Amino acid sequence: MLQDRLGKLSQVNPQKQRLVADLPPAVQLNAISQILAGQNTTNPQINTFVKQSAAQGMTPEQIRLAFIEEQRKSSNPLIILG
């Protein structure tokens, strides 16, 4: 049901969708910094990715680049509906 509704949204106004990986670097780094400071986003997948990457010793910039690469390979990349 949710997938049906999301599909209809993309048909009605596709320009309102944006890939998370395509957000400006400053926005991505700010979100990563906030997650590392303990403030979670509404997306558990992003929270987990950032925290696991940081636990492996990655810097925020390395996390950002790894996330972009992971999203580019994903068959279901994260989008923002705005």
Protein backbone atom coordinates (compact mmCIF):
# COMPACT_ATOMS: atom_id res chain seq x y z
CA MET A 1 0.00 0.00 0.00
CA LEU A 2 2.76 2.45 0.91
CA GLN A 3 4.70 1.55 -2.23
CA ASP A 4 1.58 2.24 -4.31
CA ARG A 5 1.22 5.67 -2.74
CA LEU A 6 4.90 6.48 -3.24
CA GLY A 7 4.65 5.37 -6.85
CA LYS A 8 1.73 7.72 -7.41
CA LEU A 9 3.66 10.59 -5.85
CA SER A 10 6.54 10.12 -8.27
CA GLN A 11 4.10 10.18 -11.18
CA VAL A 12 2.39 13.34 -9.97
CA ASN A 13 5.46 15.40 -9.18
CA PRO A 14 8.77 13.62 -9.90
CA GLN A 15 10.85 16.79 -9.61
CA LYS A 16 10.04 16.85 -5.87
CA GLN A 17 12.09 13.68 -5.36
CA ARG A 18 15.78 13.86 -4.66
CA LEU A 19 18.35 11.17 -3.90
CA VAL A 20 19.89 11.48 -0.45
CA ALA A 21 23.29 10.82 -2.06
CA ASP A 22 22.82 13.90 -4.26
CA LEU A 23 22.41 16.35 -1.40
CA PRO A 24 25.15 18.99 -1.17
CA PRO A 25 28.29 17.81 0.67
CA ALA A 26 27.81 20.39 3.46
CA VAL A 27 24.32 19.04 4.16
CA GLN A 28 25.58 15.46 4.21
CA LEU A 29 28.49 16.30 6.51
CA ASN A 30 26.20 18.22 8.85
CA ALA A 31 23.88 15.21 9.10
CA ILE A 32 26.81 12.87 9.72
CA SER A 33 28.13 15.17 12.46
CA GLN A 34 24.72 15.29 14.11
CA ILE A 35 24.41 11.50 14.06
CA LEU A 36 27.89 11.13 15.54
CA ALA A 37 26.90 13.63 18.26
CA GLY A 38 23.98 11.37 19.22
CA GLN A 39 21.09 12.86 17.29
CA ASN A 40 19.49 10.23 15.05
CA THR A 41 17.75 10.88 11.77
CA THR A 42 14.35 9.42 11.03
CA ASN A 43 16.05 6.78 8.87
CA PRO A 44 17.58 3.90 10.85
CA GLN A 45 19.55 2.75 7.80
CA ILE A 46 21.47 6.03 7.67
CA ASN A 47 22.02 6.08 11.44
CA THR A 48 23.42 2.54 11.40
CA PHE A 49 25.64 3.19 8.38
CA VAL A 50 27.18 6.29 9.95
CA LYS A 51 27.70 4.72 13.37
CA GLN A 52 29.20 1.51 11.99
CA SER A 53 31.50 3.45 9.68
CA ALA A 54 32.67 5.66 12.54
CA ALA A 55 33.30 2.59 14.69
CA GLN A 56 35.62 1.36 11.92
CA GLY A 57 37.62 4.58 12.27
CA MET A 58 36.30 6.45 9.25
CA THR A 59 36.24 10.25 9.24
CA PRO A 60 33.00 12.11 8.42
CA GLU A 61 34.26 12.77 4.87
CA GLN A 62 35.14 9.11 4.39
CA ILE A 63 31.69 8.15 5.70
CA ARG A 64 30.06 10.58 3.27
CA LEU A 65 31.95 9.18 0.30
CA ALA A 66 31.31 5.57 1.33
CA PHE A 67 27.61 6.31 1.73
CA ILE A 68 27.42 7.87 -1.73
CA GLU A 69 29.17 4.86 -3.23
CA GLU A 70 26.85 2.46 -1.42
CA GLN A 71 23.80 4.38 -2.59
CA ARG A 72 25.01 4.46 -6.20
CA LYS A 73 25.24 0.65 -6.16
CA SER A 74 21.92 0.18 -4.34
CA SER A 75 18.94 -1.17 -6.23
CA ASN A 76 16.76 0.87 -3.88
CA PRO A 77 18.53 4.17 -3.13
CA LEU A 78 17.15 6.46 -0.46
CA ILE A 79 15.09 9.39 -1.69
CA ILE A 80 13.72 12.52 -0.11
CA LEU A 81 10.18 13.53 -0.95
CA GLY A 82 9.82 17.26 -0.68
